[in-house]
Amino acid sequence: MNNQAFYDSFLEFGSVYYEPIDLEKHHLACMQFLTHTKTMEQLFCFPCEVYIELISGLASIVIGSQPDPVDLKTFAIHHYLKINPGVCFNILPVSDEATYYLLAPENRYTKLTLQEPYTFQLQPVRFNILEILDHYYFTEEQAYCFNRAGHQYFELLYVHNGTLGVTLADTVCTLAAGDLILFGPDSEHAKRLTKDNTCNFLSISFDMDLSEPQRLLGHVFHCTNGLRDALYKIIEESTMHSPHAQTLMLCHLQEIITRLILLLNELEEEHNSFSLNQNSQGDLLQQILAYMEEKVTEPITIEQICHKFFMSRTSLQALFKTYLHNSPKNYLLNIKLQKSKELIRENQHTISEIADMLGFSSIHYFSRLFKKYFDLSPSEYAKEIVASENS
């Protein structure tokens, strides 16, 4: 599975952004490409920053610091990408074809030939259901407790209707209708049904050849429609006495385990995406704050910040509200006023020069804000500084 483009390891090659770039405003040329081959022999290399915007289809970027297939990394493209100068890259489609823009100040770039062709391949998870040893579909309407005898096989437990308590080691959980759990060989667990409760559940004991099955074991999965459909088929086949029933059940169980692996991958990817997106947003905010600090003695505006980081004003406000519980305007005003105190203490500029230096429209506006924030005027603060130095 591809890494997503905002993984930390991508940051050595570039960064991500979230809204299309205004070509005229940033003086960029646009080149459009259509790709439909899964194999590439060359990589782009630009002497300047280049921006990638995927227009249609699904695609991955293959990228590295040099055109060596051993060092190349592959990332799924889920954002717009800004690539650093001198980085080698190309775009490969995941779908049948993909269309993308390359945006740069000029069309000048080189194409570097790989030592050997690079082919994008998805590596399937290989596993095999060897045998179903036991299966039963229970309808329980009275208090029930069963401790499973130890054996060397897997057990799938699916609750069709009602609720069922399950104890695994020291953990107790309740499976509701539509929930599924998979136990591994030699796992000791118990099923419990409380009084005045009813439950229909399916249990299948089977042998399976799967590398690293621990990822699937002991998790309570809430089944998707595809999983439920395959489980219903097993329930139906389990009541049949056809010579083909066992073969069909093996096929359905193979599908169930495949869908469980896919579901687990999706859940893990969602968790990682959320965490990484939080990290990415946090990194973006730190860049913006550093830029504000750097430009604090210039008449910088919120519009200039949006322009610098390819963001709308709404997106910038949402970012500040989420992380700082403040607006960009108030934050910028605060650091300007804090900087004004520092400049007054240095005593190298007049109050009027400091107001102009920090981008305030007039000395009167600056003085009014200063007094509002610090309960004294800039001149009063300057007198305090002088008095403290002479005391």
Protein backbone atom coordinates (compact mmCIF):
# COMPACT_ATOMS: atom_id res chain seq x y z
CA MET A 1 0.00 0.00 0.00
CA ASN A 2 1.25 3.47 -0.87
CA ASN A 3 2.23 6.00 1.72
CA GLN A 4 0.12 9.11 1.67
CA ALA A 5 1.80 12.27 0.46
CA PHE A 6 1.72 14.03 3.84
CA TYR A 7 3.75 11.35 5.60
CA ASP A 8 6.82 12.76 7.31
CA SER A 9 9.06 10.99 4.81
CA PHE A 10 7.55 13.07 1.99
CA LEU A 11 8.66 16.34 3.60
CA GLU A 12 12.24 15.83 2.39
CA PHE A 13 10.94 16.22 -1.17
CA GLY A 14 8.32 18.95 -0.76
CA SER A 15 5.04 19.79 0.92
CA VAL A 16 1.29 19.80 0.32
CA TYR A 17 -1.25 22.55 -0.24
CA TYR A 18 -5.02 22.53 -0.28
CA GLU A 19 -6.43 24.88 -2.92
CA PRO A 20 -5.57 25.34 -6.62
CA ILE A 21 -2.97 27.99 -7.37
CA ASP A 22 -3.88 31.19 -9.18
CA LEU A 23 -1.54 30.99 -12.19
CA GLU A 24 -1.63 34.69 -13.07
CA LYS A 25 -1.07 35.85 -9.51
CA HIS A 26 1.96 33.58 -9.06
CA HIS A 27 3.26 33.90 -12.64
CA LEU A 28 3.20 30.18 -13.32
CA ALA A 29 3.08 28.28 -16.60
CA CYS A 30 0.78 25.25 -16.83
CA MET A 31 1.65 21.97 -18.54
CA GLN A 32 -1.02 19.27 -18.79
CA PHE A 33 -0.14 15.56 -18.95
CA LEU A 34 -2.18 12.41 -19.48
CA THR A 35 -0.64 9.16 -18.24
CA HIS A 36 -1.97 5.62 -18.68
CA THR A 37 1.11 3.42 -18.39
CA LYS A 38 2.10 1.61 -15.20
CA THR A 39 5.78 1.59 -16.23
CA MET A 40 8.10 4.59 -16.47
CA GLU A 41 11.61 5.00 -17.77
CA GLN A 42 12.25 8.70 -17.05
CA LEU A 43 11.83 11.23 -14.24
CA PHE A 44 11.12 14.96 -14.32
CA CYS A 45 13.62 17.29 -12.67
CA PHE A 46 12.96 21.04 -12.38
CA PRO A 47 15.54 23.68 -11.35
CA CYS A 48 12.78 25.54 -9.49
CA GLU A 49 9.81 24.71 -7.30
CA VAL A 50 7.10 22.86 -9.26
CA TYR A 51 3.47 22.29 -8.30
CA ILE A 52 1.45 19.17 -9.11
CA GLU A 53 -2.34 19.24 -9.30
CA LEU A 54 -4.12 15.97 -10.10
CA ILE A 55 -7.13 16.72 -12.32
CA SER A 56 -8.72 13.32 -12.92
CA GLY A 57 -8.18 9.70 -11.99
CA LEU A 58 -6.14 8.20 -9.18
CA ALA A 59 -2.37 8.43 -9.21
CA SER A 60 0.83 8.05 -7.22
CA ILE A 61 4.01 10.07 -7.33
CA VAL A 62 7.30 8.20 -7.60
CA ILE A 63 9.97 10.48 -6.19
CA GLY A 64 13.58 10.59 -5.06
CA SER A 65 16.66 12.76 -4.76
CA GLN A 66 18.31 10.96 -7.69
CA PRO A 67 17.17 8.73 -10.57
CA ASP A 68 18.04 5.47 -8.86
CA PRO A 69 15.14 2.93 -8.68
CA VAL A 70 16.49 1.60 -5.37
CA ASP A 71 16.06 5.01 -3.68
CA LEU A 72 12.67 5.94 -5.14
CA LYS A 73 9.64 6.23 -2.88
CA THR A 74 5.98 6.02 -3.86
CA PHE A 75 3.21 8.13 -2.33
CA ALA A 76 -0.51 8.20 -3.11
CA ILE A 77 -1.59 11.66 -4.27
CA HIS A 78 -4.38 12.92 -2.01
CA HIS A 79 -3.40 16.63 -1.98
CA TYR A 80 -1.86 19.19 -4.27
CA LEU A 81 1.93 18.85 -4.08
CA LYS A 82 4.77 21.37 -4.10
CA ILE A 83 8.08 19.74 -5.12
CA ASN A 84 11.45 21.18 -4.15
CA PRO A 85 13.99 22.20 -6.83
CA GLY A 86 16.24 19.40 -8.07
CA VAL A 87 13.98 16.56 -6.93
CA CYS A 88 13.33 13.72 -9.41
CA PHE A 89 9.75 12.52 -9.87
CA ASN A 90 7.10 11.16 -12.18
CA ILE A 91 3.40 10.37 -11.95
CA LEU A 92 1.99 6.86 -12.39
CA PRO A 93 -1.74 6.17 -12.68
CA VAL A 94 -3.45 3.89 -10.19
CA SER A 95 -6.68 4.00 -12.22
CA ASP A 96 -6.65 3.24 -15.96
CA GLU A 97 -5.41 6.76 -16.64
CA ALA A 98 -4.83 10.03 -14.83
CA THR A 99 -4.55 13.67 -15.88
CA TYR A 100 -2.45 16.20 -14.00
CA TYR A 101 -0.95 19.69 -14.25
CA LEU A 102 2.67 20.62 -13.68
CA LEU A 103 2.86 24.29 -12.68
CA ALA A 104 6.18 26.14 -12.66
CA PRO A 105 7.55 29.64 -13.32
CA GLU A 106 8.90 28.32 -16.60
CA ASN A 107 8.59 25.22 -18.77
CA ARG A 108 12.30 24.45 -18.52
CA TYR A 109 12.96 20.99 -17.08
CA THR A 110 15.10 17.95 -17.76
CA LYS A 111 14.12 14.31 -18.07
CA LEU A 112 16.44 11.84 -16.40
CA THR A 113 16.56 8.25 -17.64
CA LEU A 114 16.32 5.47 -15.05
CA GLN A 115 18.88 2.69 -15.03
CA GLU A 116 15.99 0.26 -15.42
CA PRO A 117 12.23 0.76 -15.93
CA TYR A 118 10.10 1.27 -12.80
CA THR A 119 6.76 -0.54 -12.66
CA PHE A 120 3.99 0.22 -10.20
CA GLN A 121 2.57 -2.96 -8.67
CA LEU A 122 0.10 -3.58 -5.90
CA GLN A 123 1.26 -6.50 -3.77
CA PRO A 124 -1.73 -8.73 -2.93
CA VAL A 125 -2.05 -10.29 0.50
CA ARG A 126 -1.60 -14.02 0.01
CA PHE A 127 -3.49 -16.40 2.28
CA ASN A 128 -5.41 -19.62 2.02
CA ILE A 129 -8.31 -21.18 3.94
CA LEU A 130 -7.14 -24.76 4.24
CA GLU A 131 -10.13 -26.45 5.88
CA ILE A 132 -13.34 -25.78 7.79
CA LEU A 133 -13.35 -28.16 10.72
CA ASP A 134 -16.55 -27.16 12.52
CA HIS A 135 -19.43 -24.74 12.06
CA TYR A 136 -22.72 -24.14 13.76
CA TYR A 137 -25.49 -21.54 13.88
CA PHE A 138 -26.96 -21.21 17.38
CA THR A 139 -30.21 -19.75 18.59
CA GLU A 140 -30.00 -19.27 22.36
CA GLU A 141 -32.93 -18.06 24.46
CA GLN A 142 -31.68 -18.82 27.98
CA ALA A 143 -28.68 -18.00 30.13
CA TYR A 144 -25.65 -19.55 28.47
CA CYS A 145 -21.93 -19.85 29.15
CA PHE A 146 -19.42 -21.86 27.16
CA ASN A 147 -15.64 -21.95 27.61
CA ARG A 148 -13.99 -23.01 24.39
CA ALA A 149 -11.69 -26.01 24.61
CA GLY A 150 -8.17 -25.26 23.41
CA HIS A 151 -7.22 -26.25 19.84
CA GLN A 152 -4.82 -25.24 17.08
CA TYR A 153 -7.33 -23.54 14.80
CA PHE A 154 -8.96 -20.15 14.17
CA GLU A 155 -12.52 -19.38 15.18
CA LEU A 156 -14.80 -16.77 13.65
CA LEU A 157 -17.72 -15.61 15.78
CA TYR A 158 -20.51 -13.53 14.23
CA VAL A 159 -23.62 -12.24 16.01
CA HIS A 160 -26.63 -12.26 13.70
CA ASN A 161 -29.26 -11.03 16.16
CA GLY A 162 -29.24 -10.01 19.82
CA THR A 163 -26.12 -9.55 21.94
CA LEU A 164 -23.46 -11.94 23.17
CA GLY A 165 -20.82 -11.41 25.86
CA VAL A 166 -17.29 -12.60 25.07
CA THR A 167 -14.38 -12.95 27.48
CA LEU A 168 -10.90 -13.09 25.96
CA ALA A 169 -8.06 -13.35 28.49
CA ASP A 170 -8.90 -10.54 30.93
CA THR A 171 -10.96 -8.53 28.47
CA VAL A 172 -14.76 -8.63 28.44
CA CYS A 173 -16.72 -7.22 25.51
CA THR A 174 -20.26 -7.40 24.18
CA LEU A 175 -20.93 -8.24 20.56
CA ALA A 176 -24.05 -6.62 19.14
CA ALA A 177 -25.96 -7.63 16.01
CA GLY A 178 -23.64 -7.32 13.01
CA ASP A 179 -20.43 -7.64 15.06
CA LEU A 180 -17.69 -10.15 14.29
CA ILE A 181 -14.53 -11.24 16.11
CA LEU A 182 -11.74 -13.61 15.09
CA PHE A 183 -9.85 -15.77 17.60
CA GLY A 184 -6.47 -17.34 16.98
CA PRO A 185 -5.14 -20.81 17.79
CA ASP A 186 -4.81 -21.61 21.50
CA SER A 187 -6.76 -18.53 22.56
CA GLU A 188 -8.89 -19.12 25.61
CA HIS A 189 -12.24 -17.39 25.49
CA ALA A 190 -15.78 -17.79 26.73
CA LYS A 191 -19.19 -16.92 25.33
CA ARG A 192 -21.87 -15.71 27.72
CA LEU A 193 -25.56 -15.03 27.24
CA THR A 194 -27.36 -13.27 30.08
CA LYS A 195 -30.76 -14.21 31.43
CA ASP A 196 -33.84 -12.90 29.55
CA ASN A 197 -31.75 -12.30 26.45
CA THR A 198 -31.81 -14.04 23.06
CA CYS A 199 -29.02 -14.34 20.51
CA ASN A 200 -28.42 -15.91 17.12
CA PHE A 201 -24.74 -16.38 16.33
CA LEU A 202 -22.50 -18.20 13.89
CA SER A 203 -19.27 -19.96 14.87
CA ILE A 204 -16.76 -21.35 12.37
CA SER A 205 -13.55 -23.19 13.32
CA PHE A 206 -11.05 -23.40 10.47
CA ASP A 207 -7.42 -23.80 9.50
CA MET A 208 -5.77 -20.93 7.64
CA ASP A 209 -2.38 -20.10 6.18
CA LEU A 210 -1.92 -16.33 6.67
CA SER A 211 1.27 -14.45 7.53
CA GLU A 212 0.94 -12.13 10.53
CA PRO A 213 -2.69 -13.03 11.37
CA GLN A 214 -2.30 -11.19 14.71
CA ARG A 215 -3.50 -7.97 13.05
CA LEU A 216 -6.97 -9.49 12.70
CA LEU A 217 -7.23 -11.29 16.03
CA GLY A 218 -9.26 -10.04 18.97
CA HIS A 219 -10.71 -7.00 17.17
CA VAL A 220 -14.47 -6.43 17.18
CA PHE A 221 -15.46 -5.57 13.61
CA HIS A 222 -18.82 -4.04 12.77
CA CYS A 223 -19.59 -5.75 9.50
CA THR A 224 -20.04 -3.93 6.21
CA ASN A 225 -22.78 -4.92 3.78
CA GLY A 226 -20.34 -7.08 1.81
CA LEU A 227 -19.26 -8.94 4.93
CA ARG A 228 -22.86 -9.51 6.03
CA ASP A 229 -23.81 -10.87 2.61
CA ALA A 230 -20.96 -13.39 2.68
CA LEU A 231 -21.84 -14.41 6.26
CA TYR A 232 -25.51 -14.93 5.35
CA LYS A 233 -24.40 -17.24 2.54
CA ILE A 234 -22.35 -19.30 5.00
CA ILE A 235 -25.33 -19.48 7.37
CA GLU A 236 -27.48 -20.75 4.48
CA GLU A 237 -24.87 -23.26 3.30
CA SER A 238 -24.31 -24.54 6.85
CA THR A 239 -27.86 -25.94 6.90
CA MET A 240 -27.51 -27.66 3.53
CA HIS A 241 -26.37 -31.24 3.03
CA SER A 242 -25.23 -30.74 -0.54
CA PRO A 243 -21.82 -32.23 -1.46
CA HIS A 244 -20.89 -28.76 -2.74
CA ALA A 245 -21.83 -26.92 0.48
CA GLN A 246 -18.36 -27.30 2.03
CA THR A 247 -16.67 -25.97 -1.13
CA LEU A 248 -19.00 -22.97 -1.22
CA MET A 249 -18.41 -22.28 2.46
CA LEU A 250 -14.65 -22.29 1.88
CA CYS A 251 -15.13 -19.72 -0.91
CA HIS A 252 -17.34 -17.52 1.26
CA LEU A 253 -14.90 -17.74 4.18
CA GLN A 254 -12.03 -16.77 1.85
CA GLU A 255 -14.07 -13.71 0.85
CA ILE A 256 -14.83 -12.86 4.50
CA ILE A 257 -11.17 -12.91 5.53
CA THR A 258 -10.27 -10.81 2.46
CA ARG A 259 -12.93 -8.25 3.37
CA LEU A 260 -11.74 -8.21 6.99
CA ILE A 261 -8.19 -7.43 5.84
CA LEU A 262 -9.52 -4.63 3.62
CA LEU A 263 -11.69 -3.27 6.43
CA LEU A 264 -8.77 -3.31 8.87
CA ASN A 265 -6.56 -1.52 6.32
CA GLU A 266 -9.22 1.15 5.86
CA LEU A 267 -9.61 1.65 9.61
CA GLU A 268 -5.85 1.92 10.09
CA GLU A 269 -5.53 4.28 7.13
CA GLU A 270 -8.32 6.51 8.47
CA HIS A 271 -6.58 6.64 11.84
CA ASN A 272 -3.20 7.39 10.29
CA SER A 273 -4.71 9.92 7.89
CA PHE A 274 -6.34 11.77 10.76
CA SER A 275 -3.16 11.79 12.82
CA LEU A 276 -0.97 12.76 9.89
CA ASN A 277 -3.40 15.40 8.70
CA GLN A 278 -3.34 16.87 12.19
CA ASN A 279 0.47 16.85 12.05
CA SER A 280 0.45 18.36 8.56
CA GLN A 281 -1.94 21.13 9.61
CA GLY A 282 0.17 21.79 12.69
CA ASP A 283 3.31 22.05 10.54
CA LEU A 284 1.55 24.46 8.20
CA LEU A 285 0.48 26.63 11.13
CA GLN A 286 4.05 26.73 12.46
CA GLN A 287 5.27 27.90 9.05
CA ILE A 288 2.64 30.66 9.01
CA LEU A 289 3.49 31.79 12.55
CA ALA A 290 7.21 31.86 11.69
CA TYR A 291 6.42 33.94 8.60
CA MET A 292 4.37 36.38 10.70
CA GLU A 293 7.25 36.76 13.15
CA GLU A 294 9.71 37.27 10.30
CA LYS A 295 7.56 39.97 8.67
CA VAL A 296 6.29 41.60 11.85
CA THR A 297 8.18 44.86 11.17
CA GLU A 298 6.68 45.10 7.68
CA PRO A 299 3.15 46.24 6.81
CA ILE A 300 2.03 42.64 6.21
CA THR A 301 -1.67 41.88 5.67
CA ILE A 302 -3.81 38.76 6.04
CA GLU A 303 -4.26 38.75 2.26
CA GLN A 304 -0.46 38.55 1.82
CA ILE A 305 -0.32 35.57 4.19
CA CYS A 306 -3.07 33.80 2.24
CA HIS A 307 -1.20 34.53 -0.99
CA LYS A 308 2.08 33.22 0.43
CA PHE A 309 0.59 29.89 1.58
CA PHE A 310 -1.95 29.38 -1.22
CA MET A 311 -4.92 29.53 1.17
CA SER A 312 -8.26 31.24 1.23
CA ARG A 313 -9.04 33.61 4.07
CA THR A 314 -11.68 31.15 5.31
CA SER A 315 -9.16 28.29 5.46
CA LEU A 316 -6.65 30.45 7.32
CA GLN A 317 -9.26 31.51 9.86
CA ALA A 318 -10.36 27.88 10.39
CA LEU A 319 -6.73 26.82 10.98
CA PHE A 320 -6.18 29.51 13.63
CA LYS A 321 -9.51 28.82 15.30
CA THR A 322 -8.78 25.08 15.55
CA TYR A 323 -5.27 25.37 16.99
CA LEU A 324 -5.06 28.79 18.65
CA HIS A 325 -8.70 29.64 19.39
CA ASN A 326 -7.92 33.02 17.89
CA SER A 327 -8.26 34.80 14.57
CA PRO A 328 -5.26 35.49 12.28
CA LYS A 329 -5.97 39.23 12.51
CA ASN A 330 -5.93 39.26 16.32
CA TYR A 331 -2.83 37.06 16.48
CA LEU A 332 -0.96 39.31 14.04
CA LEU A 333 -2.05 42.42 15.94
CA ASN A 334 -0.83 40.89 19.21
CA ILE A 335 2.66 40.08 17.93
CA LYS A 336 2.92 43.56 16.37
CA LEU A 337 2.05 45.20 19.68
CA GLN A 338 4.49 42.95 21.52
CA LYS A 339 7.15 43.89 18.97
CA SER A 340 6.31 47.58 19.49
CA LYS A 341 7.17 47.25 23.20
CA GLU A 342 10.51 45.71 22.25
CA LEU A 343 11.25 48.56 19.79
CA ILE A 344 10.29 51.19 22.37
CA ARG A 345 12.70 49.61 24.88
CA GLU A 346 15.50 49.71 22.29
CA ASN A 347 14.93 53.49 21.93
CA GLN A 348 16.18 53.57 18.34
CA HIS A 349 12.99 54.90 16.73
CA THR A 350 10.29 57.44 17.48
CA ILE A 351 6.77 56.31 18.33
CA SER A 352 5.62 57.54 14.93
CA GLU A 353 8.35 55.54 13.15
CA ILE A 354 7.46 52.39 15.11
CA ALA A 355 3.79 52.75 14.21
CA ASP A 356 4.69 53.12 10.54
CA MET A 357 7.24 50.29 10.70
CA LEU A 358 4.64 47.86 12.08
CA GLY A 359 2.06 48.76 9.46
CA PHE A 360 -0.40 50.77 11.56
CA SER A 361 -2.40 53.29 9.57
CA SER A 362 -1.60 56.18 11.93
CA ILE A 363 0.16 56.93 15.20
CA HIS A 364 -3.20 57.70 16.77
CA TYR A 365 -4.60 54.27 15.86
CA PHE A 366 -1.43 52.61 17.14
CA SER A 367 -1.55 54.54 20.42
CA ARG A 368 -5.20 53.69 20.97
CA LEU A 369 -4.58 49.97 20.45
CA PHE A 370 -1.44 50.01 22.60
CA LYS A 371 -3.32 51.58 25.50
CA LYS A 372 -6.22 49.15 25.08
CA TYR A 373 -3.88 46.15 25.31
CA PHE A 374 -1.39 47.40 27.94
CA ASP A 375 -3.36 50.01 29.93
CA LEU A 376 -0.92 52.80 29.13
CA SER A 377 0.05 54.76 26.02
CA PRO A 378 3.31 54.16 24.07
CA SER A 379 4.77 57.43 25.40
CA GLU A 380 3.84 56.48 28.97
CA TYR A 381 5.50 53.10 28.48
CA ALA A 382 8.64 54.83 27.14
CA LYS A 383 8.74 57.09 30.21
CA GLU A 384 8.46 54.02 32.48
CA ILE A 385 11.43 52.44 30.73
CA VAL A 386 13.53 55.59 31.16
CA ALA A 387 12.49 55.90 34.84
CA SER A 388 13.40 52.29 35.60
CA GLU A 389 16.82 52.69 33.94
CA ASN A 390 17.58 55.86 35.96
CA SER A 391 16.42 54.47 39.28
